[in-house]
Amino acid sequence: MARRSSTPSAGASPLTDGISNTARSENGNGACAQGGYVGGPNQSSSCRGGTTRTHAWCADFAGWVWARNGVTGLGTLDDRAASFMDYGKKYGTLSSTPHVGDAVVYNYNGADYADHVALVTGVSGDTVTITGGNQGGYPGHVSTYSTTKWSVGSSPWGQRISG
């Protein structure tokens, strides 16, 4: 899990609460909500002409949420889910313990590709809740899911958690 360096390691904070609230408030929205999700300077819009998605947009959504909440270093992010692993490596924030606000990367190939990224929006006991964009089949939407099978290497939704 790629954690932002500006997030405390324990407990809620305005940053983590903001990330969770921002992500969850988008539930049900498609790629063209908010005029298209664009987070960092190297991410392109999730929406083309206000009507259709431009590409798989999970990374755009996660970057947009982080940007809205003041996370720094977003120049590392691009339209690839794997760029969130790059972020974690660059800033030394990779962790196998989920914290609210963390990015969870799925099916990372160890180099430059991952299938998906979503954000941790809740941790309660053994249950972890994630919210992500481009989920739920084509054309995808923002949705929230919870699981007790959150460890690195597990596959709670058919995709292996890589970090």
N, C-alpha and C. Protein backbone atom coordinates (compact mmCIF):
# COMPACT_ATOMS: atom_id res chain seq x y z
N MET A 1 0.84 -1.15 0.00
CA MET A 1 0.00 0.00 0.00
C MET A 1 0.89 1.23 0.00
N ALA A 2 0.63 2.12 -0.89
CA ALA A 2 1.41 3.34 -0.97
C ALA A 2 0.77 4.38 -0.07
N ARG A 3 1.53 4.82 0.89
CA ARG A 3 1.03 5.81 1.84
C ARG A 3 1.62 7.15 1.55
N ARG A 4 0.85 8.18 1.77
CA ARG A 4 1.36 9.52 1.63
C ARG A 4 2.25 9.86 2.81
N SER A 5 3.34 10.53 2.54
CA SER A 5 4.28 10.86 3.60
C SER A 5 3.71 11.87 4.57
N SER A 6 2.66 12.58 4.20
CA SER A 6 2.10 13.60 5.08
C SER A 6 0.99 13.06 5.97
N THR A 7 0.79 11.76 6.01
CA THR A 7 -0.26 11.18 6.83
C THR A 7 0.33 10.55 8.09
N PRO A 8 -0.23 10.86 9.26
CA PRO A 8 0.28 10.23 10.47
C PRO A 8 0.05 8.73 10.44
N SER A 9 0.87 8.00 11.18
CA SER A 9 0.80 6.54 11.13
C SER A 9 -0.37 5.98 11.92
N ALA A 10 -0.94 6.71 12.82
CA ALA A 10 -2.05 6.18 13.60
C ALA A 10 -3.10 7.26 13.80
N GLY A 11 -4.35 6.83 13.86
CA GLY A 11 -5.44 7.75 14.16
C GLY A 11 -5.89 8.57 12.98
N ALA A 12 -7.05 9.13 13.13
CA ALA A 12 -7.62 9.97 12.09
C ALA A 12 -7.00 11.36 12.15
N SER A 13 -7.01 12.03 11.03
CA SER A 13 -6.51 13.40 10.94
C SER A 13 -7.36 14.13 9.92
N PRO A 14 -7.25 15.45 9.86
CA PRO A 14 -8.00 16.16 8.82
C PRO A 14 -7.67 15.64 7.42
N LEU A 15 -6.41 15.27 7.17
CA LEU A 15 -6.03 14.75 5.85
C LEU A 15 -6.72 13.42 5.56
N THR A 16 -6.60 12.46 6.48
CA THR A 16 -7.18 11.15 6.23
C THR A 16 -8.70 11.21 6.18
N ASP A 17 -9.30 11.99 7.08
CA ASP A 17 -10.76 12.16 7.04
C ASP A 17 -11.18 12.80 5.72
N GLY A 18 -10.42 13.78 5.26
CA GLY A 18 -10.73 14.45 4.00
C GLY A 18 -10.66 13.51 2.82
N ILE A 19 -9.61 12.68 2.77
CA ILE A 19 -9.47 11.73 1.67
C ILE A 19 -10.66 10.77 1.68
N SER A 20 -10.99 10.22 2.83
CA SER A 20 -12.10 9.29 2.93
C SER A 20 -13.42 9.94 2.52
N ASN A 21 -13.68 11.13 3.05
CA ASN A 21 -14.94 11.81 2.75
C ASN A 21 -15.04 12.21 1.28
N THR A 22 -13.94 12.71 0.72
CA THR A 22 -13.95 13.11 -0.69
C THR A 22 -14.21 11.90 -1.58
N ALA A 23 -13.50 10.81 -1.35
CA ALA A 23 -13.67 9.61 -2.18
C ALA A 23 -15.09 9.07 -2.08
N ARG A 24 -15.57 8.90 -0.86
CA ARG A 24 -16.91 8.32 -0.68
C ARG A 24 -18.02 9.22 -1.22
N SER A 25 -17.79 10.53 -1.22
CA SER A 25 -18.83 11.44 -1.72
C SER A 25 -19.04 11.30 -3.22
N GLU A 26 -18.11 10.65 -3.91
CA GLU A 26 -18.21 10.45 -5.35
C GLU A 26 -18.88 9.12 -5.72
N ASN A 27 -19.26 8.31 -4.74
CA ASN A 27 -19.89 7.01 -5.02
C ASN A 27 -21.00 7.13 -6.05
N GLY A 28 -20.98 6.23 -7.02
CA GLY A 28 -21.99 6.20 -8.07
C GLY A 28 -21.64 7.02 -9.29
N ASN A 29 -20.68 7.91 -9.17
CA ASN A 29 -20.31 8.77 -10.29
C ASN A 29 -19.47 8.02 -11.32
N GLY A 30 -19.58 8.45 -12.56
CA GLY A 30 -18.79 7.89 -13.65
C GLY A 30 -17.59 8.76 -13.96
N ALA A 31 -16.92 8.43 -15.05
CA ALA A 31 -15.66 9.08 -15.43
C ALA A 31 -15.79 10.58 -15.67
N CYS A 32 -16.98 11.06 -16.02
CA CYS A 32 -17.13 12.47 -16.38
C CYS A 32 -17.65 13.34 -15.24
N ALA A 33 -17.79 12.77 -14.05
CA ALA A 33 -18.17 13.60 -12.90
C ALA A 33 -17.04 14.61 -12.65
N GLN A 34 -17.37 15.72 -12.06
CA GLN A 34 -16.40 16.78 -11.76
C GLN A 34 -15.69 17.28 -13.01
N GLY A 35 -16.30 17.10 -14.18
CA GLY A 35 -15.68 17.51 -15.43
C GLY A 35 -14.56 16.58 -15.87
N GLY A 36 -14.46 15.44 -15.24
CA GLY A 36 -13.38 14.49 -15.49
C GLY A 36 -12.37 14.57 -14.35
N TYR A 37 -11.95 13.43 -13.87
CA TYR A 37 -11.01 13.39 -12.75
C TYR A 37 -9.58 13.56 -13.27
N VAL A 38 -8.88 14.57 -12.76
CA VAL A 38 -7.48 14.81 -13.07
C VAL A 38 -6.79 15.14 -11.75
N GLY A 39 -5.78 14.36 -11.38
CA GLY A 39 -5.10 14.59 -10.11
C GLY A 39 -3.80 15.33 -10.28
N GLY A 40 -2.75 14.62 -10.60
CA GLY A 40 -1.43 15.21 -10.73
C GLY A 40 -1.19 15.82 -12.10
N PRO A 41 -0.09 16.57 -12.23
CA PRO A 41 0.21 17.24 -13.50
C PRO A 41 0.50 16.28 -14.65
N ASN A 42 0.78 15.01 -14.36
CA ASN A 42 1.06 14.04 -15.41
C ASN A 42 -0.11 13.09 -15.66
N GLN A 43 -1.27 13.44 -15.10
CA GLN A 43 -2.46 12.64 -15.35
C GLN A 43 -3.34 13.37 -16.36
N SER A 44 -3.99 12.59 -17.23
CA SER A 44 -4.92 13.18 -18.18
C SER A 44 -6.33 12.98 -17.67
N SER A 45 -7.27 13.67 -18.27
CA SER A 45 -8.66 13.62 -17.82
C SER A 45 -9.27 12.25 -18.06
N SER A 46 -10.11 11.84 -17.12
CA SER A 46 -10.84 10.58 -17.25
C SER A 46 -11.99 10.70 -18.24
N CYS A 47 -12.27 11.90 -18.70
CA CYS A 47 -13.46 12.15 -19.52
C CYS A 47 -13.10 12.84 -20.83
N ARG A 48 -13.76 12.44 -21.89
CA ARG A 48 -13.57 13.04 -23.20
C ARG A 48 -14.84 13.76 -23.61
N GLY A 49 -14.74 15.03 -23.82
CA GLY A 49 -15.87 15.80 -24.31
C GLY A 49 -17.08 15.78 -23.40
N GLY A 50 -16.90 15.45 -22.13
CA GLY A 50 -18.00 15.47 -21.18
C GLY A 50 -18.96 14.30 -21.31
N THR A 51 -18.61 13.29 -22.14
CA THR A 51 -19.58 12.21 -22.35
C THR A 51 -19.05 10.80 -22.12
N THR A 52 -17.78 10.53 -22.40
CA THR A 52 -17.27 9.17 -22.28
C THR A 52 -15.91 9.14 -21.62
N ARG A 53 -15.56 7.99 -21.07
CA ARG A 53 -14.25 7.85 -20.44
C ARG A 53 -13.17 7.82 -21.51
N THR A 54 -11.98 8.31 -21.18
CA THR A 54 -10.88 8.32 -22.14
C THR A 54 -10.01 7.08 -22.04
N HIS A 55 -9.97 6.46 -20.86
CA HIS A 55 -9.12 5.30 -20.60
C HIS A 55 -9.51 4.73 -19.25
N ALA A 56 -8.88 3.65 -18.83
CA ALA A 56 -9.12 3.14 -17.48
C ALA A 56 -8.72 4.27 -16.52
N TRP A 57 -9.63 4.68 -15.66
CA TRP A 57 -9.44 5.94 -14.94
C TRP A 57 -9.32 5.80 -13.42
N CYS A 58 -9.01 4.61 -12.93
CA CYS A 58 -8.87 4.44 -11.48
C CYS A 58 -7.75 5.32 -10.91
N ALA A 59 -6.61 5.42 -11.62
CA ALA A 59 -5.50 6.23 -11.13
C ALA A 59 -5.86 7.71 -11.17
N ASP A 60 -6.60 8.14 -12.19
CA ASP A 60 -7.03 9.54 -12.26
C ASP A 60 -7.89 9.89 -11.05
N PHE A 61 -8.82 8.98 -10.71
CA PHE A 61 -9.70 9.24 -9.57
C PHE A 61 -8.90 9.31 -8.27
N ALA A 62 -8.01 8.34 -8.03
CA ALA A 62 -7.23 8.34 -6.79
C ALA A 62 -6.35 9.58 -6.70
N GLY A 63 -5.72 9.97 -7.80
CA GLY A 63 -4.91 11.19 -7.82
C GLY A 63 -5.74 12.43 -7.57
N TRP A 64 -6.94 12.47 -8.14
CA TRP A 64 -7.84 13.60 -7.95
C TRP A 64 -8.21 13.74 -6.48
N VAL A 65 -8.53 12.64 -5.83
CA VAL A 65 -8.88 12.67 -4.41
C VAL A 65 -7.70 13.17 -3.59
N TRP A 66 -6.51 12.62 -3.84
CA TRP A 66 -5.33 13.07 -3.11
C TRP A 66 -5.09 14.57 -3.34
N ALA A 67 -5.21 15.03 -4.60
CA ALA A 67 -4.97 16.44 -4.91
C ALA A 67 -5.95 17.35 -4.18
N ARG A 68 -7.21 16.95 -4.10
CA ARG A 68 -8.23 17.75 -3.41
C ARG A 68 -7.96 17.87 -1.92
N ASN A 69 -7.10 17.02 -1.41
CA ASN A 69 -6.82 17.01 0.02
C ASN A 69 -5.39 17.41 0.37
N GLY A 70 -4.67 17.96 -0.60
CA GLY A 70 -3.37 18.54 -0.33
C GLY A 70 -2.21 17.59 -0.24
N VAL A 71 -2.35 16.37 -0.75
CA VAL A 71 -1.22 15.44 -0.77
C VAL A 71 -0.17 16.00 -1.73
N THR A 72 1.08 15.92 -1.34
CA THR A 72 2.16 16.47 -2.16
C THR A 72 2.84 15.38 -2.98
N GLY A 73 3.67 15.80 -3.93
CA GLY A 73 4.44 14.86 -4.74
C GLY A 73 3.65 14.22 -5.85
N LEU A 74 2.54 14.82 -6.27
CA LEU A 74 1.67 14.19 -7.26
C LEU A 74 2.28 14.13 -8.66
N GLY A 75 3.40 14.80 -8.89
CA GLY A 75 4.06 14.71 -10.18
C GLY A 75 4.56 13.31 -10.49
N THR A 76 4.67 12.47 -9.48
CA THR A 76 5.07 11.07 -9.67
C THR A 76 3.95 10.27 -10.32
N LEU A 77 2.71 10.70 -10.12
CA LEU A 77 1.55 9.95 -10.61
C LEU A 77 1.25 10.24 -12.07
N ASP A 78 0.79 9.20 -12.77
CA ASP A 78 0.28 9.37 -14.13
C ASP A 78 -0.99 8.53 -14.25
N ASP A 79 -1.39 8.18 -15.45
CA ASP A 79 -2.66 7.46 -15.65
C ASP A 79 -2.57 5.97 -15.33
N ARG A 80 -1.39 5.49 -14.94
CA ARG A 80 -1.22 4.08 -14.63
C ARG A 80 -1.42 3.82 -13.14
N ALA A 81 -2.10 2.74 -12.81
CA ALA A 81 -2.23 2.34 -11.41
C ALA A 81 -0.86 2.09 -10.80
N ALA A 82 0.07 1.58 -11.60
CA ALA A 82 1.43 1.29 -11.11
C ALA A 82 2.16 2.54 -10.64
N SER A 83 1.75 3.71 -11.10
CA SER A 83 2.44 4.94 -10.67
C SER A 83 2.28 5.17 -9.17
N PHE A 84 1.27 4.57 -8.56
CA PHE A 84 1.11 4.69 -7.11
C PHE A 84 2.16 3.85 -6.37
N MET A 85 2.61 2.75 -6.96
CA MET A 85 3.75 2.01 -6.41
C MET A 85 5.02 2.84 -6.59
N ASP A 86 5.16 3.50 -7.74
CA ASP A 86 6.30 4.38 -7.96
C ASP A 86 6.33 5.47 -6.89
N TYR A 87 5.17 6.05 -6.58
CA TYR A 87 5.06 7.07 -5.55
C TYR A 87 5.56 6.52 -4.21
N GLY A 88 5.06 5.35 -3.83
CA GLY A 88 5.45 4.74 -2.56
C GLY A 88 6.94 4.47 -2.48
N LYS A 89 7.53 4.01 -3.58
CA LYS A 89 8.98 3.76 -3.62
C LYS A 89 9.76 5.06 -3.50
N LYS A 90 9.33 6.07 -4.26
CA LYS A 90 10.05 7.35 -4.26
C LYS A 90 10.03 8.02 -2.89
N TYR A 91 8.88 7.98 -2.22
CA TYR A 91 8.72 8.68 -0.95
C TYR A 91 8.87 7.77 0.27
N GLY A 92 9.20 6.50 0.05
CA GLY A 92 9.42 5.59 1.17
C GLY A 92 8.18 5.34 1.99
N THR A 93 7.02 5.28 1.32
CA THR A 93 5.76 5.16 2.05
C THR A 93 5.06 3.82 1.84
N LEU A 94 5.73 2.85 1.22
CA LEU A 94 5.09 1.55 1.02
C LEU A 94 4.88 0.88 2.37
N SER A 95 3.75 0.23 2.51
CA SER A 95 3.40 -0.43 3.76
C SER A 95 2.49 -1.61 3.46
N SER A 96 2.53 -2.61 4.31
CA SER A 96 1.60 -3.73 4.15
C SER A 96 0.44 -3.62 5.15
N THR A 97 0.39 -2.52 5.90
CA THR A 97 -0.68 -2.27 6.85
C THR A 97 -1.54 -1.12 6.32
N PRO A 98 -2.82 -1.36 6.10
CA PRO A 98 -3.67 -0.31 5.53
C PRO A 98 -4.00 0.79 6.54
N HIS A 99 -3.95 2.02 6.05
CA HIS A 99 -4.35 3.19 6.81
C HIS A 99 -5.31 4.00 5.93
N VAL A 100 -6.26 4.66 6.54
CA VAL A 100 -7.18 5.49 5.78
C VAL A 100 -6.36 6.51 4.98
N GLY A 101 -6.68 6.63 3.70
CA GLY A 101 -5.99 7.54 2.80
C GLY A 101 -4.95 6.86 1.93
N ASP A 102 -4.55 5.63 2.29
CA ASP A 102 -3.57 4.90 1.50
C ASP A 102 -4.14 4.50 0.14
N ALA A 103 -3.25 4.36 -0.83
CA ALA A 103 -3.60 3.77 -2.11
C ALA A 103 -3.32 2.27 -2.03
N VAL A 104 -4.23 1.46 -2.54
CA VAL A 104 -4.05 0.01 -2.62
C VAL A 104 -3.89 -0.34 -4.09
N VAL A 105 -2.78 -1.00 -4.41
CA VAL A 105 -2.47 -1.35 -5.80
C VAL A 105 -2.69 -2.84 -5.99
N TYR A 106 -3.33 -3.20 -7.10
CA TYR A 106 -3.71 -4.58 -7.39
C TYR A 106 -2.96 -5.12 -8.61
N ASN A 107 -2.48 -6.37 -8.50
CA ASN A 107 -1.82 -7.09 -9.60
C ASN A 107 -0.65 -6.32 -10.20
N TYR A 108 0.19 -5.76 -9.34
CA TYR A 108 1.40 -5.07 -9.79
C TYR A 108 2.39 -6.10 -10.32
N ASN A 109 2.99 -5.83 -11.48
CA ASN A 109 3.90 -6.79 -12.10
C ASN A 109 5.35 -6.65 -11.64
N GLY A 110 5.60 -5.76 -10.70
CA GLY A 110 6.95 -5.58 -10.18
C GLY A 110 7.78 -4.58 -10.95
N ALA A 111 7.22 -4.04 -12.02
CA ALA A 111 8.00 -3.11 -12.84
C ALA A 111 7.21 -1.85 -13.19
N ASP A 112 6.20 -1.99 -14.07
CA ASP A 112 5.55 -0.79 -14.57
C ASP A 112 4.05 -0.94 -14.84
N TYR A 113 3.46 -2.04 -14.40
CA TYR A 113 2.05 -2.25 -14.69
C TYR A 113 1.32 -2.79 -13.45
N ALA A 114 0.12 -2.30 -13.25
CA ALA A 114 -0.80 -2.84 -12.24
C ALA A 114 -2.21 -2.74 -12.83
N ASP A 115 -3.09 -3.65 -12.40
CA ASP A 115 -4.45 -3.67 -12.94
C ASP A 115 -5.35 -2.57 -12.39
N HIS A 116 -5.12 -2.17 -11.13
CA HIS A 116 -6.09 -1.28 -10.50
C HIS A 116 -5.47 -0.60 -9.30
N VAL A 117 -6.02 0.54 -8.92
CA VAL A 117 -5.68 1.23 -7.68
C VAL A 117 -6.97 1.79 -7.09
N ALA A 118 -7.09 1.72 -5.77
CA ALA A 118 -8.22 2.29 -5.04
C ALA A 118 -7.67 2.89 -3.75
N LEU A 119 -8.51 3.59 -3.01
CA LEU A 119 -8.08 4.25 -1.77
C LEU A 119 -8.73 3.59 -0.56
N VAL A 120 -7.96 3.47 0.52
CA VAL A 120 -8.52 2.99 1.78
C VAL A 120 -9.34 4.12 2.37
N THR A 121 -10.62 3.86 2.59
CA THR A 121 -11.51 4.89 3.14
C THR A 121 -12.06 4.52 4.51
N GLY A 122 -11.65 3.37 5.03
CA GLY A 122 -12.05 2.99 6.38
C GLY A 122 -11.28 1.78 6.85
N VAL A 123 -10.94 1.77 8.13
CA VAL A 123 -10.32 0.63 8.78
C VAL A 123 -11.01 0.49 10.13
N SER A 124 -11.61 -0.68 10.37
CA SER A 124 -12.30 -0.93 11.63
C SER A 124 -12.10 -2.39 12.02
N GLY A 125 -11.30 -2.61 13.04
CA GLY A 125 -11.00 -3.98 13.43
C GLY A 125 -10.32 -4.71 12.29
N ASP A 126 -10.89 -5.85 11.89
CA ASP A 126 -10.34 -6.64 10.79
C ASP A 126 -10.88 -6.24 9.42
N THR A 127 -11.73 -5.23 9.37
CA THR A 127 -12.38 -4.84 8.12
C THR A 127 -11.73 -3.59 7.53
N VAL A 128 -11.39 -3.69 6.24
CA VAL A 128 -10.84 -2.56 5.50
C VAL A 128 -11.84 -2.20 4.40
N THR A 129 -12.09 -0.91 4.25
CA THR A 129 -13.01 -0.41 3.23
C THR A 129 -12.20 0.38 2.21
N ILE A 130 -12.45 0.09 0.93
CA ILE A 130 -11.78 0.82 -0.15
C ILE A 130 -12.83 1.49 -1.03
N THR A 131 -12.43 2.61 -1.60
CA THR A 131 -13.26 3.32 -2.57
C THR A 131 -12.39 3.58 -3.79
N GLY A 132 -12.92 3.26 -4.97
CA GLY A 132 -12.13 3.45 -6.18
C GLY A 132 -12.98 3.87 -7.35
N GLY A 133 -12.33 4.45 -8.33
CA GLY A 133 -12.97 4.80 -9.58
C GLY A 133 -12.78 3.69 -10.60
N ASN A 134 -13.64 3.66 -11.61
CA ASN A 134 -13.59 2.69 -12.70
C ASN A 134 -13.76 1.26 -12.17
N GLN A 135 -14.68 1.09 -11.26
CA GLN A 135 -14.98 -0.22 -10.69
C GLN A 135 -16.38 -0.64 -11.13
N GLY A 136 -16.68 -1.91 -11.04
CA GLY A 136 -18.03 -2.40 -11.29
C GLY A 136 -18.36 -2.67 -12.74
N GLY A 137 -17.38 -2.96 -13.58
CA GLY A 137 -17.65 -3.27 -14.98
C GLY A 137 -17.67 -2.04 -15.86
N TYR A 138 -17.66 -2.26 -17.15
CA TYR A 138 -17.61 -1.16 -18.13
C TYR A 138 -18.92 -0.39 -18.12
N PRO A 139 -18.95 0.91 -18.14
CA PRO A 139 -17.80 1.81 -18.22
C PRO A 139 -17.22 2.16 -16.85
N GLY A 140 -17.69 1.55 -15.80
CA GLY A 140 -17.15 1.76 -14.47
C GLY A 140 -17.70 2.99 -13.78
N HIS A 141 -17.64 2.97 -12.47
CA HIS A 141 -18.10 4.08 -11.66
C HIS A 141 -17.32 4.06 -10.35
N VAL A 142 -17.53 5.07 -9.52
CA VAL A 142 -16.92 5.11 -8.20
C VAL A 142 -17.77 4.24 -7.29
N SER A 143 -17.11 3.35 -6.55
CA SER A 143 -17.84 2.48 -5.63
C SER A 143 -16.97 2.16 -4.41
N THR A 144 -17.65 1.69 -3.37
CA THR A 144 -17.00 1.39 -2.10
C THR A 144 -17.31 -0.05 -1.72
N TYR A 145 -16.27 -0.77 -1.30
CA TYR A 145 -16.40 -2.17 -0.87
C TYR A 145 -15.62 -2.37 0.42
N SER A 146 -16.04 -3.35 1.22
CA SER A 146 -15.34 -3.71 2.45
C SER A 146 -14.96 -5.18 2.41
N THR A 147 -13.86 -5.53 3.10
CA THR A 147 -13.38 -6.91 3.16
C THR A 147 -12.60 -7.14 4.44
N THR A 148 -12.54 -8.39 4.86
CA THR A 148 -11.65 -8.78 5.95
C THR A 148 -10.40 -9.46 5.39
N LYS A 149 -10.35 -9.64 4.07
CA LYS A 149 -9.21 -10.28 3.41
C LYS A 149 -8.37 -9.21 2.72
N TRP A 150 -7.69 -8.41 3.53
CA TRP A 150 -7.01 -7.24 3.00
C TRP A 150 -5.50 -7.37 2.92
N SER A 151 -4.92 -8.47 3.27
CA SER A 151 -3.47 -8.56 3.31
C SER A 151 -2.85 -8.61 1.92
N VAL A 152 -1.59 -8.17 1.85
CA VAL A 152 -0.84 -8.24 0.60
C VAL A 152 -0.81 -9.71 0.16
N GLY A 153 -1.15 -9.96 -1.09
CA GLY A 153 -1.20 -11.31 -1.64
C GLY A 153 -2.59 -11.90 -1.68
N SER A 154 -3.53 -11.32 -0.91
CA SER A 154 -4.90 -11.83 -0.96
C SER A 154 -5.62 -11.23 -2.16
N SER A 155 -6.74 -11.85 -2.53
CA SER A 155 -7.52 -11.40 -3.70
C SER A 155 -8.99 -11.26 -3.34
N PRO A 156 -9.35 -10.26 -2.55
CA PRO A 156 -10.74 -10.17 -2.10
C PRO A 156 -11.75 -9.91 -3.22
N TRP A 157 -11.34 -9.29 -4.30
CA TRP A 157 -12.26 -9.00 -5.41
C TRP A 157 -11.73 -9.57 -6.72
N GLY A 158 -10.94 -10.63 -6.65
CA GLY A 158 -10.42 -11.27 -7.84
C GLY A 158 -9.11 -10.69 -8.34
N GLN A 159 -8.62 -9.64 -7.71
CA GLN A 159 -7.33 -9.07 -8.07
C GLN A 159 -6.44 -9.11 -6.83
N ARG A 160 -5.20 -9.55 -7.02
CA ARG A 160 -4.26 -9.70 -5.91
C ARG A 160 -3.77 -8.34 -5.41
N ILE A 161 -3.87 -8.12 -4.10
CA ILE A 161 -3.35 -6.90 -3.50
C ILE A 161 -1.82 -6.99 -3.53
N SER A 162 -1.20 -6.01 -4.15
CA SER A 162 0.25 -5.98 -4.27
C SER A 162 0.90 -5.09 -3.23
N GLY A 163 0.23 -4.07 -2.81
CA GLY A 163 0.80 -3.15 -1.81
C GLY A 163 -0.11 -2.00 -1.58
